[in-house]
Amino acid sequence: DAIARTAIENRVPIILRNISQPKLCNGARLAVKKLMNNAVQATVLTGSFKDEDVLIPRISMIPMDMSFQFKRLQFPIRLALAFTINKA
């Protein structure tokens, strides 16, 4: 858990699902301030709600494409990575 906290704090994740329209939409970039057990405190970096603080809750995910069902709670964010490709 400590490794996961270090990996996401002070980095720029993006939202993977629409949580609240129009503030927290798919692809919105965030700056994580604090990780808690059931929420992430972050600041919006893009869009018309830039510099607003938000709380992102854990969302239950239930995959339907498997022969058995299970429920998983996870944060709907993923680290945004960028790199440059020079084709010269």
PDB file of N, CA and C in Angstrom:
ATOM      1  N   ASP A   1       0.824  -1.197   0.000  1.00  0.00           N
ATOM      2  CA  ASP A   1       0.000   0.000   0.000  1.00  0.00           C
ATOM      3  C   ASP A   1       0.864   1.256   0.000  1.00  0.00           C
ATOM      4  N   ALA A   2       1.984   1.219   0.703  1.00  0.00           N
ATOM      5  CA  ALA A   2       2.877   2.377   0.730  1.00  0.00           C
ATOM      6  C   ALA A   2       3.482   2.624  -0.642  1.00  0.00           C
ATOM      7  N   ILE A   3       3.759   1.558  -1.380  1.00  0.00           N
ATOM      8  CA  ILE A   3       4.315   1.709  -2.729  1.00  0.00           C
ATOM      9  C   ILE A   3       3.282   2.342  -3.652  1.00  0.00           C
ATOM     10  N   ALA A   4       2.028   1.928  -3.537  1.00  0.00           N
ATOM     11  CA  ALA A   4       0.968   2.506  -4.367  1.00  0.00           C
ATOM     12  C   ALA A   4       0.769   3.978  -4.053  1.00  0.00           C
ATOM     13  N   ARG A   5       0.827   4.341  -2.780  1.00  0.00           N
ATOM     14  CA  ARG A   5       0.680   5.753  -2.395  1.00  0.00           C
ATOM     15  C   ARG A   5       1.809   6.592  -2.982  1.00  0.00           C
ATOM     16  N   THR A   6       3.036   6.097  -2.888  1.00  0.00           N
ATOM     17  CA  THR A   6       4.181   6.823  -3.419  1.00  0.00           C
ATOM     18  C   THR A   6       4.083   6.957  -4.930  1.00  0.00           C
ATOM     19  N   ALA A   7       3.558   5.935  -5.588  1.00  0.00           N
ATOM     20  CA  ALA A   7       3.471   5.953  -7.048  1.00  0.00           C
ATOM     21  C   ALA A   7       2.490   6.999  -7.559  1.00  0.00           C
ATOM     22  N   ILE A   8       1.452   7.309  -6.799  1.00  0.00           N
ATOM     23  CA  ILE A   8       0.430   8.226  -7.307  1.00  0.00           C
ATOM     24  C   ILE A   8       0.534   9.637  -6.748  1.00  0.00           C
ATOM     25  N   GLU A   9       1.045   9.800  -5.536  1.00  0.00           N
ATOM     26  CA  GLU A   9       1.177  11.142  -4.980  1.00  0.00           C
ATOM     27  C   GLU A   9       2.251  11.907  -5.755  1.00  0.00           C
ATOM     28  N   ASN A  10       2.030  13.183  -5.941  1.00  0.00           N
ATOM     29  CA  ASN A  10       2.933  14.077  -6.666  1.00  0.00           C
ATOM     30  C   ASN A  10       3.094  13.684  -8.132  1.00  0.00           C
ATOM     31  N   ARG A  11       2.100  13.031  -8.699  1.00  0.00           N
ATOM     32  CA  ARG A  11       2.079  12.704 -10.114  1.00  0.00           C
ATOM     33  C   ARG A  11       0.763  13.233 -10.695  1.00  0.00           C
ATOM     34  N   VAL A  12       0.589  13.087 -11.995  1.00  0.00           N
ATOM     35  CA  VAL A  12      -0.617  13.600 -12.653  1.00  0.00           C
ATOM     36  C   VAL A  12      -1.442  12.426 -13.187  1.00  0.00           C
ATOM     37  N   PRO A  13      -2.477  12.013 -12.445  1.00  0.00           N
ATOM     38  CA  PRO A  13      -3.366  10.974 -12.974  1.00  0.00           C
ATOM     39  C   PRO A  13      -4.498  11.586 -13.797  1.00  0.00           C
ATOM     40  N   ILE A  14      -5.185  10.737 -14.550  1.00  0.00           N
ATOM     41  CA  ILE A  14      -6.371  11.160 -15.291  1.00  0.00           C
ATOM     42  C   ILE A  14      -7.569  10.349 -14.797  1.00  0.00           C
ATOM     43  N   ILE A  15      -8.757  10.920 -14.981  1.00  0.00           N
ATOM     44  CA  ILE A  15     -10.008  10.251 -14.619  1.00  0.00           C
ATOM     45  C   ILE A  15     -10.355   9.245 -15.720  1.00  0.00           C
ATOM     46  N   LEU A  16     -10.746   8.036 -15.340  1.00  0.00           N
ATOM     47  CA  LEU A  16     -11.095   7.004 -16.308  1.00  0.00           C
ATOM     48  C   LEU A  16     -12.593   6.914 -16.593  1.00  0.00           C
ATOM     49  N   ARG A  17     -13.423   7.475 -15.723  1.00  0.00           N
ATOM     50  CA  ARG A  17     -14.875   7.427 -15.889  1.00  0.00           C
ATOM     51  C   ARG A  17     -15.466   8.793 -15.581  1.00  0.00           C
ATOM     52  N   ASN A  18     -16.613   9.079 -16.157  1.00  0.00           N
ATOM     53  CA  ASN A  18     -17.334  10.300 -15.812  1.00  0.00           C
ATOM     54  C   ASN A  18     -17.905  10.137 -14.410  1.00  0.00           C
ATOM     55  N   ILE A  19     -17.507  11.025 -13.500  1.00  0.00           N
ATOM     56  CA  ILE A  19     -17.973  10.942 -12.120  1.00  0.00           C
ATOM     57  C   ILE A  19     -19.054  11.982 -11.874  1.00  0.00           C
ATOM     58  N   SER A  20     -18.764  13.234 -12.188  1.00  0.00           N
ATOM     59  CA  SER A  20     -19.779  14.288 -12.070  1.00  0.00           C
ATOM     60  C   SER A  20     -19.607  15.227 -13.255  1.00  0.00           C
ATOM     61  N   GLN A  21     -20.644  15.344 -14.046  1.00  0.00           N
ATOM     62  CA  GLN A  21     -20.589  16.202 -15.214  1.00  0.00           C
ATOM     63  C   GLN A  21     -20.753  17.645 -14.777  1.00  0.00           C
ATOM     64  N   PRO A  22     -20.094  18.606 -15.311  1.00  0.00           N
ATOM     65  CA  PRO A  22     -18.975  18.521 -16.234  1.00  0.00           C
ATOM     66  C   PRO A  22     -17.618  18.589 -15.529  1.00  0.00           C
ATOM     67  N   LYS A  23     -17.605  18.601 -14.198  1.00  0.00           N
ATOM     68  CA  LYS A  23     -16.354  18.811 -13.468  1.00  0.00           C
ATOM     69  C   LYS A  23     -15.370  17.661 -13.613  1.00  0.00           C
ATOM     70  N   LEU A  24     -15.789  16.447 -13.335  1.00  0.00           N
ATOM     71  CA  LEU A  24     -14.894  15.289 -13.367  1.00  0.00           C
ATOM     72  C   LEU A  24     -15.288  14.357 -14.503  1.00  0.00           C
ATOM     73  N   CYS A  25     -14.803  14.670 -15.697  1.00  0.00           N
ATOM     74  CA  CYS A  25     -15.114  13.881 -16.884  1.00  0.00           C
ATOM     75  C   CYS A  25     -13.937  12.990 -17.247  1.00  0.00           C
ATOM     76  N   ASN A  26     -14.220  12.004 -18.069  1.00  0.00           N
ATOM     77  CA  ASN A  26     -13.205  11.088 -18.555  1.00  0.00           C
ATOM     78  C   ASN A  26     -12.058  11.870 -19.206  1.00  0.00           C
ATOM     79  N   GLY A  27     -10.826  11.629 -18.764  1.00  0.00           N
ATOM     80  CA  GLY A  27      -9.657  12.289 -19.330  1.00  0.00           C
ATOM     81  C   GLY A  27      -9.210  13.541 -18.603  1.00  0.00           C
ATOM     82  N   ALA A  28      -9.962  14.010 -17.618  1.00  0.00           N
ATOM     83  CA  ALA A  28      -9.559  15.200 -16.862  1.00  0.00           C
ATOM     84  C   ALA A  28      -8.293  14.894 -16.064  1.00  0.00           C
ATOM     85  N   ARG A  29      -7.345  15.822 -16.079  1.00  0.00           N
ATOM     86  CA  ARG A  29      -6.092  15.624 -15.341  1.00  0.00           C
ATOM     87  C   ARG A  29      -6.210  16.216 -13.947  1.00  0.00           C
ATOM     88  N   LEU A  30      -5.514  15.567 -13.004  1.00  0.00           N
ATOM     89  CA  LEU A  30      -5.590  15.950 -11.598  1.00  0.00           C
ATOM     90  C   LEU A  30      -4.203  16.052 -10.995  1.00  0.00           C
ATOM     91  N   ALA A  31      -4.113  16.750  -9.875  1.00  0.00           N
ATOM     92  CA  ALA A  31      -2.917  16.745  -9.027  1.00  0.00           C
ATOM     93  C   ALA A  31      -3.360  16.186  -7.681  1.00  0.00           C
ATOM     94  N   VAL A  32      -2.851  15.019  -7.312  1.00  0.00           N
ATOM     95  CA  VAL A  32      -3.260  14.361  -6.070  1.00  0.00           C
ATOM     96  C   VAL A  32      -2.635  15.077  -4.889  1.00  0.00           C
ATOM     97  N   LYS A  33      -3.476  15.446  -3.924  1.00  0.00           N
ATOM     98  CA  LYS A  33      -3.003  16.085  -2.701  1.00  0.00           C
ATOM     99  C   LYS A  33      -2.875  15.077  -1.569  1.00  0.00           C
ATOM    100  N   LYS A  34      -3.892  14.206  -1.451  1.00  0.00           N
ATOM    101  CA  LYS A  34      -3.913  13.279  -0.324  1.00  0.00           C
ATOM    102  C   LYS A  34      -4.665  12.016  -0.715  1.00  0.00           C
ATOM    103  N   LEU A  35      -4.111  10.865  -0.332  1.00  0.00           N
ATOM    104  CA  LEU A  35      -4.789   9.585  -0.522  1.00  0.00           C
ATOM    105  C   LEU A  35      -5.386   9.139   0.799  1.00  0.00           C
ATOM    106  N   MET A  36      -6.664   8.803   0.767  1.00  0.00           N
ATOM    107  CA  MET A  36      -7.339   8.297   1.957  1.00  0.00           C
ATOM    108  C   MET A  36      -7.887   6.910   1.624  1.00  0.00           C
ATOM    109  N   ASN A  37      -8.418   6.211   2.621  1.00  0.00           N
ATOM    110  CA  ASN A  37      -8.911   4.854   2.387  1.00  0.00           C
ATOM    111  C   ASN A  37     -10.051   4.799   1.377  1.00  0.00           C
ATOM    112  N   ASN A  38     -10.976   5.744   1.425  1.00  0.00           N
ATOM    113  CA  ASN A  38     -12.150   5.692   0.560  1.00  0.00           C
ATOM    114  C   ASN A  38     -12.267   6.852  -0.410  1.00  0.00           C
ATOM    115  N   ALA A  39     -11.272   7.720  -0.461  1.00  0.00           N
ATOM    116  CA  ALA A  39     -11.339   8.870  -1.364  1.00  0.00           C
ATOM    117  C   ALA A  39      -9.936   9.387  -1.672  1.00  0.00           C
ATOM    118  N   VAL A  40      -9.840  10.115  -2.772  1.00  0.00           N
ATOM    119  CA  VAL A  40      -8.610  10.802  -3.160  1.00  0.00           C
ATOM    120  C   VAL A  40      -8.925  12.287  -3.187  1.00  0.00           C
ATOM    121  N   GLN A  41      -8.138  13.076  -2.482  1.00  0.00           N
ATOM    122  CA  GLN A  41      -8.293  14.528  -2.528  1.00  0.00           C
ATOM    123  C   GLN A  41      -7.343  15.037  -3.598  1.00  0.00           C
ATOM    124  N   ALA A  42      -7.883  15.790  -4.557  1.00  0.00           N
ATOM    125  CA  ALA A  42      -7.079  16.237  -5.691  1.00  0.00           C
ATOM    126  C   ALA A  42      -7.515  17.620  -6.145  1.00  0.00           C
ATOM    127  N   THR A  43      -6.683  18.216  -7.005  1.00  0.00           N
ATOM    128  CA  THR A  43      -6.982  19.502  -7.632  1.00  0.00           C
ATOM    129  C   THR A  43      -7.102  19.278  -9.130  1.00  0.00           C
ATOM    130  N   VAL A  44      -8.138  19.828  -9.746  1.00  0.00           N
ATOM    131  CA  VAL A  44      -8.342  19.706 -11.187  1.00  0.00           C
ATOM    132  C   VAL A  44      -7.327  20.594 -11.902  1.00  0.00           C
ATOM    133  N   LEU A  45      -6.642  20.044 -12.903  1.00  0.00           N
ATOM    134  CA  LEU A  45      -5.614  20.795 -13.635  1.00  0.00           C
ATOM    135  C   LEU A  45      -6.075  21.282 -15.001  1.00  0.00           C
ATOM    136  N   THR A  46      -7.185  20.762 -15.512  1.00  0.00           N
ATOM    137  CA  THR A  46      -7.625  21.119 -16.859  1.00  0.00           C
ATOM    138  C   THR A  46      -9.090  21.535 -16.863  1.00  0.00           C
ATOM    139  N   GLY A  47      -9.489  22.214 -17.928  1.00  0.00           N
ATOM    140  CA  GLY A  47     -10.893  22.560 -18.124  1.00  0.00           C
ATOM    141  C   GLY A  47     -11.322  23.817 -17.397  1.00  0.00           C
ATOM    142  N   SER A  48     -12.622  24.058 -17.407  1.00  0.00           N
ATOM    143  CA  SER A  48     -13.161  25.276 -16.802  1.00  0.00           C
ATOM    144  C   SER A  48     -13.181  25.218 -15.279  1.00  0.00           C
ATOM    145  N   PHE A  49     -12.953  24.050 -14.693  1.00  0.00           N
ATOM    146  CA  PHE A  49     -12.902  23.911 -13.238  1.00  0.00           C
ATOM    147  C   PHE A  49     -11.467  23.812 -12.736  1.00  0.00           C
ATOM    148  N   LYS A  50     -10.538  24.361 -13.497  1.00  0.00           N
ATOM    149  CA  LYS A  50      -9.122  24.327 -13.139  1.00  0.00           C
ATOM    150  C   LYS A  50      -8.904  24.946 -11.756  1.00  0.00           C
ATOM    151  N   ASP A  51      -8.019  24.349 -10.976  1.00  0.00           N
ATOM    152  CA  ASP A  51      -7.629  24.784  -9.627  1.00  0.00           C
ATOM    153  C   ASP A  51      -8.697  24.537  -8.565  1.00  0.00           C
ATOM    154  N   GLU A  52      -9.758  23.811  -8.882  1.00  0.00           N
ATOM    155  CA  GLU A  52     -10.762  23.456  -7.870  1.00  0.00           C
ATOM    156  C   GLU A  52     -10.368  22.155  -7.190  1.00  0.00           C
ATOM    157  N   ASP A  53     -10.573  22.092  -5.879  1.00  0.00           N
ATOM    158  CA  ASP A  53     -10.309  20.869  -5.126  1.00  0.00           C
ATOM    159  C   ASP A  53     -11.517  19.945  -5.218  1.00  0.00           C
ATOM    160  N   VAL A  54     -11.245  18.645  -5.384  1.00  0.00           N
ATOM    161  CA  VAL A  54     -12.308  17.651  -5.510  1.00  0.00           C
ATOM    162  C   VAL A  54     -11.972  16.422  -4.667  1.00  0.00           C
ATOM    163  N   LEU A  55     -12.997  15.674  -4.304  1.00  0.00           N
ATOM    164  CA  LEU A  55     -12.838  14.375  -3.659  1.00  0.00           C
ATOM    165  C   LEU A  55     -13.337  13.315  -4.631  1.00  0.00           C
ATOM    166  N   ILE A  56     -12.517  12.315  -4.887  1.00  0.00           N
ATOM    167  CA  ILE A  56     -12.882  11.241  -5.803  1.00  0.00           C
ATOM    168  C   ILE A  56     -13.096   9.976  -4.981  1.00  0.00           C
ATOM    169  N   PRO A  57     -14.321   9.439  -4.968  1.00  0.00           N
ATOM    170  CA  PRO A  57     -14.598   8.245  -4.162  1.00  0.00           C
ATOM    171  C   PRO A  57     -14.180   6.966  -4.884  1.00  0.00           C
ATOM    172  N   ARG A  58     -14.077   5.884  -4.120  1.00  0.00           N
ATOM    173  CA  ARG A  58     -13.888   4.570  -4.733  1.00  0.00           C
ATOM    174  C   ARG A  58     -15.201   4.167  -5.382  1.00  0.00           C
ATOM    175  N   ILE A  59     -15.120   3.514  -6.534  1.00  0.00           N
ATOM    176  CA  ILE A  59     -16.302   3.098  -7.274  1.00  0.00           C
ATOM    177  C   ILE A  59     -16.303   1.576  -7.358  1.00  0.00           C
ATOM    178  N   SER A  60     -17.471   0.971  -7.186  1.00  0.00           N
ATOM    179  CA  SER A  60     -17.538  -0.485  -7.282  1.00  0.00           C
ATOM    180  C   SER A  60     -17.575  -0.900  -8.747  1.00  0.00           C
ATOM    181  N   MET A  61     -16.718  -1.839  -9.081  1.00  0.00           N
ATOM    182  CA  MET A  61     -16.629  -2.376 -10.436  1.00  0.00           C
ATOM    183  C   MET A  61     -17.084  -3.832 -10.381  1.00  0.00           C
ATOM    184  N   ILE A  62     -18.051  -4.194 -11.219  1.00  0.00           N
ATOM    185  CA  ILE A  62     -18.535  -5.568 -11.273  1.00  0.00           C
ATOM    186  C   ILE A  62     -18.417  -6.041 -12.722  1.00  0.00           C
ATOM    187  N   PRO A  63     -17.386  -6.823 -13.041  1.00  0.00           N
ATOM    188  CA  PRO A  63     -17.231  -7.306 -14.417  1.00  0.00           C
ATOM    189  C   PRO A  63     -18.351  -8.280 -14.791  1.00  0.00           C
ATOM    190  N   MET A  64     -18.916  -8.105 -15.968  1.00  0.00           N
ATOM    191  CA  MET A  64     -20.018  -8.956 -16.419  1.00  0.00           C
ATOM    192  C   MET A  64     -19.580  -9.980 -17.464  1.00  0.00           C
ATOM    193  N   ASP A  65     -18.338  -9.904 -17.927  1.00  0.00           N
ATOM    194  CA  ASP A  65     -17.889 -10.787 -18.998  1.00  0.00           C
ATOM    195  C   ASP A  65     -17.230 -12.073 -18.494  1.00  0.00           C
ATOM    196  N   MET A  66     -17.375 -12.383 -17.217  1.00  0.00           N
ATOM    197  CA  MET A  66     -16.778 -13.596 -16.658  1.00  0.00           C
ATOM    198  C   MET A  66     -17.873 -14.578 -16.251  1.00  0.00           C
ATOM    199  N   SER A  67     -17.489 -15.826 -16.092  1.00  0.00           N
ATOM    200  CA  SER A  67     -18.464 -16.858 -15.725  1.00  0.00           C
ATOM    201  C   SER A  67     -18.894 -16.766 -14.263  1.00  0.00           C
ATOM    202  N   PHE A  68     -18.171 -15.990 -13.472  1.00  0.00           N
ATOM    203  CA  PHE A  68     -18.526 -15.773 -12.074  1.00  0.00           C
ATOM    204  C   PHE A  68     -18.521 -14.273 -11.814  1.00  0.00           C
ATOM    205  N   GLN A  69     -19.195 -13.847 -10.763  1.00  0.00           N
ATOM    206  CA  GLN A  69     -19.266 -12.425 -10.452  1.00  0.00           C
ATOM    207  C   GLN A  69     -18.485 -12.110  -9.193  1.00  0.00           C
ATOM    208  N   PHE A  70     -17.869 -10.950  -9.196  1.00  0.00           N
ATOM    209  CA  PHE A  70     -17.230 -10.425  -7.999  1.00  0.00           C
ATOM    210  C   PHE A  70     -17.310  -8.907  -8.050  1.00  0.00           C
ATOM    211  N   LYS A  71     -17.154  -8.295  -6.910  1.00  0.00           N
ATOM    212  CA  LYS A  71     -17.247  -6.840  -6.794  1.00  0.00           C
ATOM    213  C   LYS A  71     -15.900  -6.319  -6.333  1.00  0.00           C
ATOM    214  N   ARG A  72     -15.457  -5.263  -6.958  1.00  0.00           N
ATOM    215  CA  ARG A  72     -14.160  -4.692  -6.639  1.00  0.00           C
ATOM    216  C   ARG A  72     -14.311  -3.189  -6.470  1.00  0.00           C
ATOM    217  N   LEU A  73     -13.752  -2.650  -5.391  1.00  0.00           N
ATOM    218  CA  LEU A  73     -13.756  -1.202  -5.182  1.00  0.00           C
ATOM    219  C   LEU A  73     -12.415  -0.647  -5.635  1.00  0.00           C
ATOM    220  N   GLN A  74     -12.457   0.348  -6.506  1.00  0.00           N
ATOM    221  CA  GLN A  74     -11.209   0.954  -6.953  1.00  0.00           C
ATOM    222  C   GLN A  74     -11.435   2.416  -7.309  1.00  0.00           C
ATOM    223  N   PHE A  75     -10.340   3.171  -7.289  1.00  0.00           N
ATOM    224  CA  PHE A  75     -10.400   4.567  -7.692  1.00  0.00           C
ATOM    225  C   PHE A  75     -10.400   4.637  -9.217  1.00  0.00           C
ATOM    226  N   PRO A  76     -11.242   5.473  -9.814  1.00  0.00           N
ATOM    227  CA  PRO A  76     -11.321   5.563 -11.273  1.00  0.00           C
ATOM    228  C   PRO A  76     -10.256   6.494 -11.856  1.00  0.00           C
ATOM    229  N   ILE A  77      -8.999   6.305 -11.449  1.00  0.00           N
ATOM    230  CA  ILE A  77      -7.907   7.138 -11.962  1.00  0.00           C
ATOM    231  C   ILE A  77      -6.749   6.248 -12.391  1.00  0.00           C
ATOM    232  N   ARG A  78      -5.924   6.771 -13.286  1.00  0.00           N
ATOM    233  CA  ARG A  78      -4.723   6.086 -13.751  1.00  0.00           C
ATOM    234  C   ARG A  78      -3.675   7.153 -14.043  1.00  0.00           C
ATOM    235  N   LEU A  79      -2.413   6.821 -13.809  1.00  0.00           N
ATOM    236  CA  LEU A  79      -1.352   7.786 -14.078  1.00  0.00           C
ATOM    237  C   LEU A  79      -1.315   8.149 -15.553  1.00  0.00           C
ATOM    238  N   ALA A  80      -1.153   9.431 -15.836  1.00  0.00           N
ATOM    239  CA  ALA A  80      -1.026   9.917 -17.206  1.00  0.00           C
ATOM    240  C   ALA A  80       0.460   9.986 -17.531  1.00  0.00           C
ATOM    241  N   LEU A  81       0.865   9.255 -18.535  1.00  0.00           N
ATOM    242  CA  LEU A  81       2.272   9.226 -18.921  1.00  0.00           C
ATOM    243  C   LEU A  81       2.430   9.869 -20.293  1.00  0.00           C
ATOM    244  N   ALA A  82       3.522  10.553 -20.483  1.00  0.00           N
ATOM    245  CA  ALA A  82       3.794  11.194 -21.766  1.00  0.00           C
ATOM    246  C   ALA A  82       5.269  11.048 -22.091  1.00  0.00           C
ATOM    247  N   PHE A  83       5.561  10.893 -23.365  1.00  0.00           N
ATOM    248  CA  PHE A  83       6.951  10.835 -23.793  1.00  0.00           C
ATOM    249  C   PHE A  83       7.038  11.364 -25.216  1.00  0.00           C
ATOM    250  N   THR A  84       8.240  11.710 -25.621  1.00  0.00           N
ATOM    251  CA  THR A  84       8.475  12.282 -26.938  1.00  0.00           C
ATOM    252  C   THR A  84       9.111  11.239 -27.844  1.00  0.00           C
ATOM    253  N   ILE A  85       8.622  11.159 -29.075  1.00  0.00           N
ATOM    254  CA  ILE A  85       9.208  10.255 -30.064  1.00  0.00           C
ATOM    255  C   ILE A  85       9.825  11.119 -31.153  1.00  0.00           C
ATOM    256  N   ASN A  86      11.114  10.956 -31.366  1.00  0.00           N
ATOM    257  CA  ASN A  86      11.816  11.702 -32.398  1.00  0.00           C
ATOM    258  C   ASN A  86      12.074  10.763 -33.565  1.00  0.00           C
ATOM    259  N   LYS A  87      11.446  11.026 -34.713  1.00  0.00           N
ATOM    260  CA  LYS A  87      11.581  10.147 -35.873  1.00  0.00           C
ATOM    261  C   LYS A  87      12.657  10.632 -36.845  1.00  0.00           C
ATOM    262  N   ALA A  88      13.549  11.456 -36.371  1.00  0.00           N
ATOM    263  CA  ALA A  88      14.592  11.990 -37.256  1.00  0.00           C
ATOM    264  C   ALA A  88      15.652  10.967 -37.573  1.00  0.00           C
TER     265      ALA A  88
END
